[in-house]
Amino acid sequence: MTAIGRPRGFDADEALHAAMLVFWRQGYEGASLADLTSAMGITKTSMYAAFGNKEELFRKALARYDEGPASYGIRAVEQPTAFDVARAFLDGAVRTTTQPGGPTGCLGVQGSLVAGESGEPAREILSEWRNNGRKLLETRFRRAVEEGDLPAGTDAGKLALYVITIGFGIAVQASSGVSRADLQGIADTALRTWPIP
């Protein structure tokens, strides 16, 4: 006779969303297991069984963040022009990092700001995550150069780094309490020097 496993007794999707919010507010090192399990409404045993250790939970929470609040990055590269890509990316950064009632800043930036040894896994995970975002923009801008949407000779890599640096700078300023209106002004200013073919 095959044993039937007991149902979990909690909604794994809701629990993961709660963990994402804790990591977003407190960073990887700042989020204790007690903080996480309390927010998730589960025991440590249930957390380990459903999500693995803290690093694995963080990876899953970051994936949820990427598919949800940070999905503006993927949508941005689908815009018809390079300028529209940059506009959508920076506008998305402003909206996501200043959500009323939600955490300010960016999980991808704040998650690894503390420099202790226990935060090393998060630093590596988030460094790769940020680099992937930059490469996504670079690939899109390279295509824009090839299509004549950006001037010939435009360095797609540096342009992508410029846009992503402004985006992450917006996130840092949002976590410091800078208003949405002021951050939108920064995004608008950054685009005034956009290269025109």
C-alpha atoms as a PDB file:
ATOM      1  CA  MET A   1       0.000   0.000   0.000  1.00  0.00           C
ATOM      2  CA  THR A   2       1.382   3.392  -0.967  1.00  0.00           C
ATOM      3  CA  ALA A   3       1.363   6.063   1.714  1.00  0.00           C
ATOM      4  CA  ILE A   4      -0.362   9.270   0.790  1.00  0.00           C
ATOM      5  CA  GLY A   5       1.495  12.411   1.814  1.00  0.00           C
ATOM      6  CA  ARG A   6      -0.233  14.861   4.097  1.00  0.00           C
ATOM      7  CA  PRO A   7      -1.303  18.091   2.440  1.00  0.00           C
ATOM      8  CA  ARG A   8       0.994  21.008   3.213  1.00  0.00           C
ATOM      9  CA  GLY A   9      -1.641  23.020   5.016  1.00  0.00           C
ATOM     10  CA  PHE A  10      -0.445  26.327   3.548  1.00  0.00           C
ATOM     11  CA  ASP A  11      -0.483  28.074   0.214  1.00  0.00           C
ATOM     12  CA  ALA A  12       3.055  27.763  -1.160  1.00  0.00           C
ATOM     13  CA  ASP A  13       2.535  30.632  -3.613  1.00  0.00           C
ATOM     14  CA  GLU A  14       1.382  33.006  -0.865  1.00  0.00           C
ATOM     15  CA  ALA A  15       4.227  31.870   1.385  1.00  0.00           C
ATOM     16  CA  LEU A  16       6.786  32.523  -1.363  1.00  0.00           C
ATOM     17  CA  HIS A  17       5.289  35.964  -1.994  1.00  0.00           C
ATOM     18  CA  ALA A  18       5.595  36.739   1.720  1.00  0.00           C
ATOM     19  CA  ALA A  19       9.240  35.601   1.706  1.00  0.00           C
ATOM     20  CA  MET A  20       9.939  37.789  -1.322  1.00  0.00           C
ATOM     21  CA  LEU A  21       8.604  40.823   0.558  1.00  0.00           C
ATOM     22  CA  VAL A  22      10.763  40.047   3.617  1.00  0.00           C
ATOM     23  CA  PHE A  23      13.912  39.741   1.477  1.00  0.00           C
ATOM     24  CA  TRP A  24      12.940  42.919  -0.392  1.00  0.00           C
ATOM     25  CA  ARG A  25      12.512  44.915   2.831  1.00  0.00           C
ATOM     26  CA  GLN A  26      15.342  43.432   4.877  1.00  0.00           C
ATOM     27  CA  GLY A  27      17.866  42.033   2.416  1.00  0.00           C
ATOM     28  CA  TYR A  28      19.295  38.538   2.493  1.00  0.00           C
ATOM     29  CA  GLU A  29      21.321  38.876   5.681  1.00  0.00           C
ATOM     30  CA  GLY A  30      18.725  40.987   7.440  1.00  0.00           C
ATOM     31  CA  ALA A  31      16.013  38.381   6.875  1.00  0.00           C
ATOM     32  CA  SER A  32      16.267  35.851   9.707  1.00  0.00           C
ATOM     33  CA  LEU A  33      14.637  32.451   9.466  1.00  0.00           C
ATOM     34  CA  ALA A  34      12.256  33.585  12.215  1.00  0.00           C
ATOM     35  CA  ASP A  35      11.300  36.665  10.157  1.00  0.00           C
ATOM     36  CA  LEU A  36      10.762  34.548   7.075  1.00  0.00           C
ATOM     37  CA  THR A  37       8.742  31.759   8.667  1.00  0.00           C
ATOM     38  CA  SER A  38       6.638  34.235  10.636  1.00  0.00           C
ATOM     39  CA  ALA A  39       5.765  36.193   7.490  1.00  0.00           C
ATOM     40  CA  MET A  40       5.168  32.974   5.562  1.00  0.00           C
ATOM     41  CA  GLY A  41       2.960  31.562   8.321  1.00  0.00           C
ATOM     42  CA  ILE A  42       4.846  28.267   8.453  1.00  0.00           C
ATOM     43  CA  THR A  43       7.352  26.426  10.636  1.00  0.00           C
ATOM     44  CA  LYS A  44      11.042  26.090   9.802  1.00  0.00           C
ATOM     45  CA  THR A  45      10.475  22.406   9.074  1.00  0.00           C
ATOM     46  CA  SER A  46       7.737  23.247   6.568  1.00  0.00           C
ATOM     47  CA  MET A  47       9.935  25.938   5.009  1.00  0.00           C
ATOM     48  CA  TYR A  48      12.818  23.524   4.504  1.00  0.00           C
ATOM     49  CA  ALA A  49      10.496  20.831   3.135  1.00  0.00           C
ATOM     50  CA  ALA A  50       8.765  23.154   0.679  1.00  0.00           C
ATOM     51  CA  PHE A  51      11.518  25.575  -0.323  1.00  0.00           C
ATOM     52  CA  GLY A  52      14.887  24.221   0.832  1.00  0.00           C
ATOM     53  CA  ASN A  53      17.425  26.233   2.810  1.00  0.00           C
ATOM     54  CA  LYS A  54      17.560  30.025   3.032  1.00  0.00           C
ATOM     55  CA  GLU A  55      19.672  30.371  -0.126  1.00  0.00           C
ATOM     56  CA  GLU A  56      17.265  28.198  -2.131  1.00  0.00           C
ATOM     57  CA  LEU A  57      14.307  30.162  -0.753  1.00  0.00           C
ATOM     58  CA  PHE A  58      16.054  33.384  -1.769  1.00  0.00           C
ATOM     59  CA  ARG A  59      16.595  32.091  -5.321  1.00  0.00           C
ATOM     60  CA  LYS A  60      12.897  31.202  -5.563  1.00  0.00           C
ATOM     61  CA  ALA A  61      11.863  34.566  -4.106  1.00  0.00           C
ATOM     62  CA  LEU A  62      14.104  36.366  -6.620  1.00  0.00           C
ATOM     63  CA  ALA A  63      12.549  34.360  -9.469  1.00  0.00           C
ATOM     64  CA  ARG A  64       9.116  35.417  -8.230  1.00  0.00           C
ATOM     65  CA  TYR A  65      10.307  39.036  -8.081  1.00  0.00           C
ATOM     66  CA  ASP A  66      11.652  38.733 -11.633  1.00  0.00           C
ATOM     67  CA  GLU A  67       8.334  37.354 -12.900  1.00  0.00           C
ATOM     68  CA  GLY A  68       6.272  39.903 -10.961  1.00  0.00           C
ATOM     69  CA  PRO A  69       7.474  43.327  -9.797  1.00  0.00           C
ATOM     70  CA  ALA A  70      10.647  43.322 -11.929  1.00  0.00           C
ATOM     71  CA  SER A  71       8.998  41.950 -15.079  1.00  0.00           C
ATOM     72  CA  TYR A  72       9.053  45.473 -16.516  1.00  0.00           C
ATOM     73  CA  GLY A  73      12.611  44.684 -17.684  1.00  0.00           C
ATOM     74  CA  ILE A  74      11.501  41.808 -19.915  1.00  0.00           C
ATOM     75  CA  ARG A  75       8.567  43.830 -21.226  1.00  0.00           C
ATOM     76  CA  ALA A  76      10.816  46.831 -21.904  1.00  0.00           C
ATOM     77  CA  VAL A  77      13.024  45.027 -24.429  1.00  0.00           C
ATOM     78  CA  GLU A  78       9.919  44.187 -26.478  1.00  0.00           C
ATOM     79  CA  GLN A  79       9.310  47.887 -27.216  1.00  0.00           C
ATOM     80  CA  PRO A  80       9.609  48.954 -30.884  1.00  0.00           C
ATOM     81  CA  THR A  81      12.533  51.407 -30.533  1.00  0.00           C
ATOM     82  CA  ALA A  82      15.634  51.596 -28.365  1.00  0.00           C
ATOM     83  CA  PHE A  83      14.373  54.870 -26.874  1.00  0.00           C
ATOM     84  CA  ASP A  84      11.073  53.185 -25.982  1.00  0.00           C
ATOM     85  CA  VAL A  85      13.043  50.328 -24.397  1.00  0.00           C
ATOM     86  CA  ALA A  86      14.994  52.745 -22.205  1.00  0.00           C
ATOM     87  CA  ARG A  87      11.837  54.726 -21.380  1.00  0.00           C
ATOM     88  CA  ALA A  88       9.899  51.591 -20.396  1.00  0.00           C
ATOM     89  CA  PHE A  89      12.829  50.286 -18.342  1.00  0.00           C
ATOM     90  CA  LEU A  90      13.347  53.504 -16.376  1.00  0.00           C
ATOM     91  CA  ASP A  91       9.624  54.166 -15.925  1.00  0.00           C
ATOM     92  CA  GLY A  92       9.256  50.589 -14.688  1.00  0.00           C
ATOM     93  CA  ALA A  93      12.093  51.109 -12.222  1.00  0.00           C
ATOM     94  CA  VAL A  94      10.385  54.225 -10.854  1.00  0.00           C
ATOM     95  CA  ARG A  95       6.993  52.492 -10.501  1.00  0.00           C
ATOM     96  CA  THR A  96       8.338  49.286  -8.969  1.00  0.00           C
ATOM     97  CA  THR A  97      10.641  50.940  -6.446  1.00  0.00           C
ATOM     98  CA  THR A  98       8.010  53.403  -5.190  1.00  0.00           C
ATOM     99  CA  GLN A  99       4.892  51.227  -4.925  1.00  0.00           C
ATOM    100  CA  PRO A 100       2.477  52.657  -2.361  1.00  0.00           C
ATOM    101  CA  GLY A 101       2.224  50.270   0.574  1.00  0.00           C
ATOM    102  CA  GLY A 102       5.013  48.040  -0.718  1.00  0.00           C
ATOM    103  CA  PRO A 103       8.738  47.839  -0.084  1.00  0.00           C
ATOM    104  CA  THR A 104      10.741  50.684  -1.582  1.00  0.00           C
ATOM    105  CA  GLY A 105      13.854  50.156  -3.655  1.00  0.00           C
ATOM    106  CA  CYS A 106      14.739  46.992  -5.524  1.00  0.00           C
ATOM    107  CA  LEU A 107      15.162  43.473  -4.186  1.00  0.00           C
ATOM    108  CA  GLY A 108      17.934  42.989  -6.743  1.00  0.00           C
ATOM    109  CA  VAL A 109      19.912  45.873  -5.235  1.00  0.00           C
ATOM    110  CA  GLN A 110      18.987  45.789  -1.557  1.00  0.00           C
ATOM    111  CA  GLY A 111      19.158  42.034  -1.203  1.00  0.00           C
ATOM    112  CA  SER A 112      22.952  42.014  -0.956  1.00  0.00           C
ATOM    113  CA  LEU A 113      23.922  45.395   0.433  1.00  0.00           C
ATOM    114  CA  VAL A 114      25.174  44.109   3.781  1.00  0.00           C
ATOM    115  CA  ALA A 115      28.744  42.897   3.419  1.00  0.00           C
ATOM    116  CA  GLY A 116      28.952  40.038   5.930  1.00  0.00           C
ATOM    117  CA  GLU A 117      30.205  36.581   5.017  1.00  0.00           C
ATOM    118  CA  SER A 118      26.744  35.042   5.386  1.00  0.00           C
ATOM    119  CA  GLY A 119      25.522  37.290   2.572  1.00  0.00           C
ATOM    120  CA  GLU A 120      28.019  35.972   0.001  1.00  0.00           C
ATOM    121  CA  PRO A 121      25.527  33.599  -1.676  1.00  0.00           C
ATOM    122  CA  ALA A 122      23.072  36.466  -2.175  1.00  0.00           C
ATOM    123  CA  ARG A 123      25.778  38.778  -3.532  1.00  0.00           C
ATOM    124  CA  GLU A 124      26.723  36.194  -6.155  1.00  0.00           C
ATOM    125  CA  ILE A 125      23.107  35.418  -7.072  1.00  0.00           C
ATOM    126  CA  LEU A 126      22.211  39.100  -7.385  1.00  0.00           C
ATOM    127  CA  SER A 127      25.375  40.032  -9.258  1.00  0.00           C
ATOM    128  CA  GLU A 128      24.455  37.434 -11.864  1.00  0.00           C
ATOM    129  CA  TRP A 129      20.841  38.694 -11.899  1.00  0.00           C
ATOM    130  CA  ARG A 130      21.918  42.306 -12.485  1.00  0.00           C
ATOM    131  CA  ASN A 131      24.437  41.253 -15.172  1.00  0.00           C
ATOM    132  CA  ASN A 132      21.728  39.277 -16.967  1.00  0.00           C
ATOM    133  CA  GLY A 133      19.546  42.396 -17.026  1.00  0.00           C
ATOM    134  CA  ARG A 134      22.386  44.431 -18.504  1.00  0.00           C
ATOM    135  CA  LYS A 135      23.063  41.761 -21.155  1.00  0.00           C
ATOM    136  CA  LEU A 136      19.378  41.719 -22.089  1.00  0.00           C
ATOM    137  CA  LEU A 137      19.465  45.478 -22.713  1.00  0.00           C
ATOM    138  CA  GLU A 138      22.793  45.244 -24.532  1.00  0.00           C
ATOM    139  CA  THR A 139      21.462  42.601 -26.931  1.00  0.00           C
ATOM    140  CA  ARG A 140      18.403  44.730 -27.644  1.00  0.00           C
ATOM    141  CA  PHE A 141      20.487  47.880 -28.216  1.00  0.00           C
ATOM    142  CA  ARG A 142      22.882  45.992 -30.498  1.00  0.00           C
ATOM    143  CA  ARG A 143      19.891  45.007 -32.600  1.00  0.00           C
ATOM    144  CA  ALA A 144      18.802  48.667 -32.658  1.00  0.00           C
ATOM    145  CA  VAL A 145      22.224  49.664 -34.011  1.00  0.00           C
ATOM    146  CA  GLU A 146      21.985  46.999 -36.729  1.00  0.00           C
ATOM    147  CA  GLU A 147      18.483  48.210 -37.661  1.00  0.00           C
ATOM    148  CA  GLY A 148      19.553  51.870 -37.809  1.00  0.00           C
ATOM    149  CA  ASP A 149      17.425  52.797 -34.787  1.00  0.00           C
ATOM    150  CA  LEU A 150      20.603  53.868 -32.967  1.00  0.00           C
ATOM    151  CA  PRO A 151      23.519  55.694 -34.629  1.00  0.00           C
ATOM    152  CA  ALA A 152      26.169  53.517 -36.260  1.00  0.00           C
ATOM    153  CA  GLY A 153      29.068  53.075 -33.884  1.00  0.00           C
ATOM    154  CA  THR A 154      26.912  53.285 -30.728  1.00  0.00           C
ATOM    155  CA  ASP A 155      28.469  51.128 -28.012  1.00  0.00           C
ATOM    156  CA  ALA A 156      25.480  48.961 -27.079  1.00  0.00           C
ATOM    157  CA  GLY A 157      27.255  47.639 -23.986  1.00  0.00           C
ATOM    158  CA  LYS A 158      27.964  51.089 -22.559  1.00  0.00           C
ATOM    159  CA  LEU A 159      24.467  52.298 -23.388  1.00  0.00           C
ATOM    160  CA  ALA A 160      22.979  49.281 -21.587  1.00  0.00           C
ATOM    161  CA  LEU A 161      25.257  49.925 -18.605  1.00  0.00           C
ATOM    162  CA  TYR A 162      24.147  53.569 -18.568  1.00  0.00           C
ATOM    163  CA  VAL A 163      20.439  52.661 -18.535  1.00  0.00           C
ATOM    164  CA  ILE A 164      20.813  49.949 -15.922  1.00  0.00           C
ATOM    165  CA  THR A 165      22.974  52.169 -13.708  1.00  0.00           C
ATOM    166  CA  ILE A 166      20.300  54.880 -13.794  1.00  0.00           C
ATOM    167  CA  GLY A 167      17.650  52.252 -13.039  1.00  0.00           C
ATOM    168  CA  PHE A 168      19.510  50.852 -10.045  1.00  0.00           C
ATOM    169  CA  GLY A 169      20.361  54.361  -8.885  1.00  0.00           C
ATOM    170  CA  ILE A 170      16.644  55.121  -8.917  1.00  0.00           C
ATOM    171  CA  ALA A 171      16.130  52.046  -6.723  1.00  0.00           C
ATOM    172  CA  VAL A 172      18.744  53.181  -4.200  1.00  0.00           C
ATOM    173  CA  GLN A 173      17.248  56.671  -4.023  1.00  0.00           C
ATOM    174  CA  ALA A 174      13.728  55.229  -3.655  1.00  0.00           C
ATOM    175  CA  SER A 175      14.878  53.225  -0.642  1.00  0.00           C
ATOM    176  CA  SER A 176      16.207  56.495   0.813  1.00  0.00           C
ATOM    177  CA  GLY A 177      12.762  58.057   0.566  1.00  0.00           C
ATOM    178  CA  VAL A 178      13.084  60.126  -2.613  1.00  0.00           C
ATOM    179  CA  SER A 179       9.604  60.711  -4.042  1.00  0.00           C
ATOM    180  CA  ARG A 180       8.202  59.042  -7.127  1.00  0.00           C
ATOM    181  CA  ALA A 181       7.828  62.435  -8.828  1.00  0.00           C
ATOM    182  CA  ASP A 182      11.489  63.307  -8.226  1.00  0.00           C
ATOM    183  CA  LEU A 183      12.653  59.913  -9.431  1.00  0.00           C
ATOM    184  CA  GLN A 184      10.519  60.223 -12.557  1.00  0.00           C
ATOM    185  CA  GLY A 185      12.258  63.538 -13.147  1.00  0.00           C
ATOM    186  CA  ILE A 186      15.624  61.752 -12.945  1.00  0.00           C
ATOM    187  CA  ALA A 187      14.458  59.148 -15.474  1.00  0.00           C
ATOM    188  CA  ASP A 188      13.233  61.886 -17.807  1.00  0.00           C
ATOM    189  CA  THR A 189      16.510  63.809 -17.479  1.00  0.00           C
ATOM    190  CA  ALA A 190      18.568  60.673 -18.218  1.00  0.00           C
ATOM    191  CA  LEU A 191      16.743  60.249 -21.531  1.00  0.00           C
ATOM    192  CA  ARG A 192      17.259  63.803 -22.761  1.00  0.00           C
ATOM    193  CA  THR A 193      20.686  62.884 -24.114  1.00  0.00           C
ATOM    194  CA  TRP A 194      19.489  59.757 -25.925  1.00  0.00           C
ATOM    195  CA  PRO A 195      21.451  59.120 -29.155  1.00  0.00           C
ATOM    196  CA  ILE A 196      19.382  59.892 -32.231  1.00  0.00           C
ATOM    197  CA  PRO A 197      20.279  58.169 -35.559  1.00  0.00           C
END
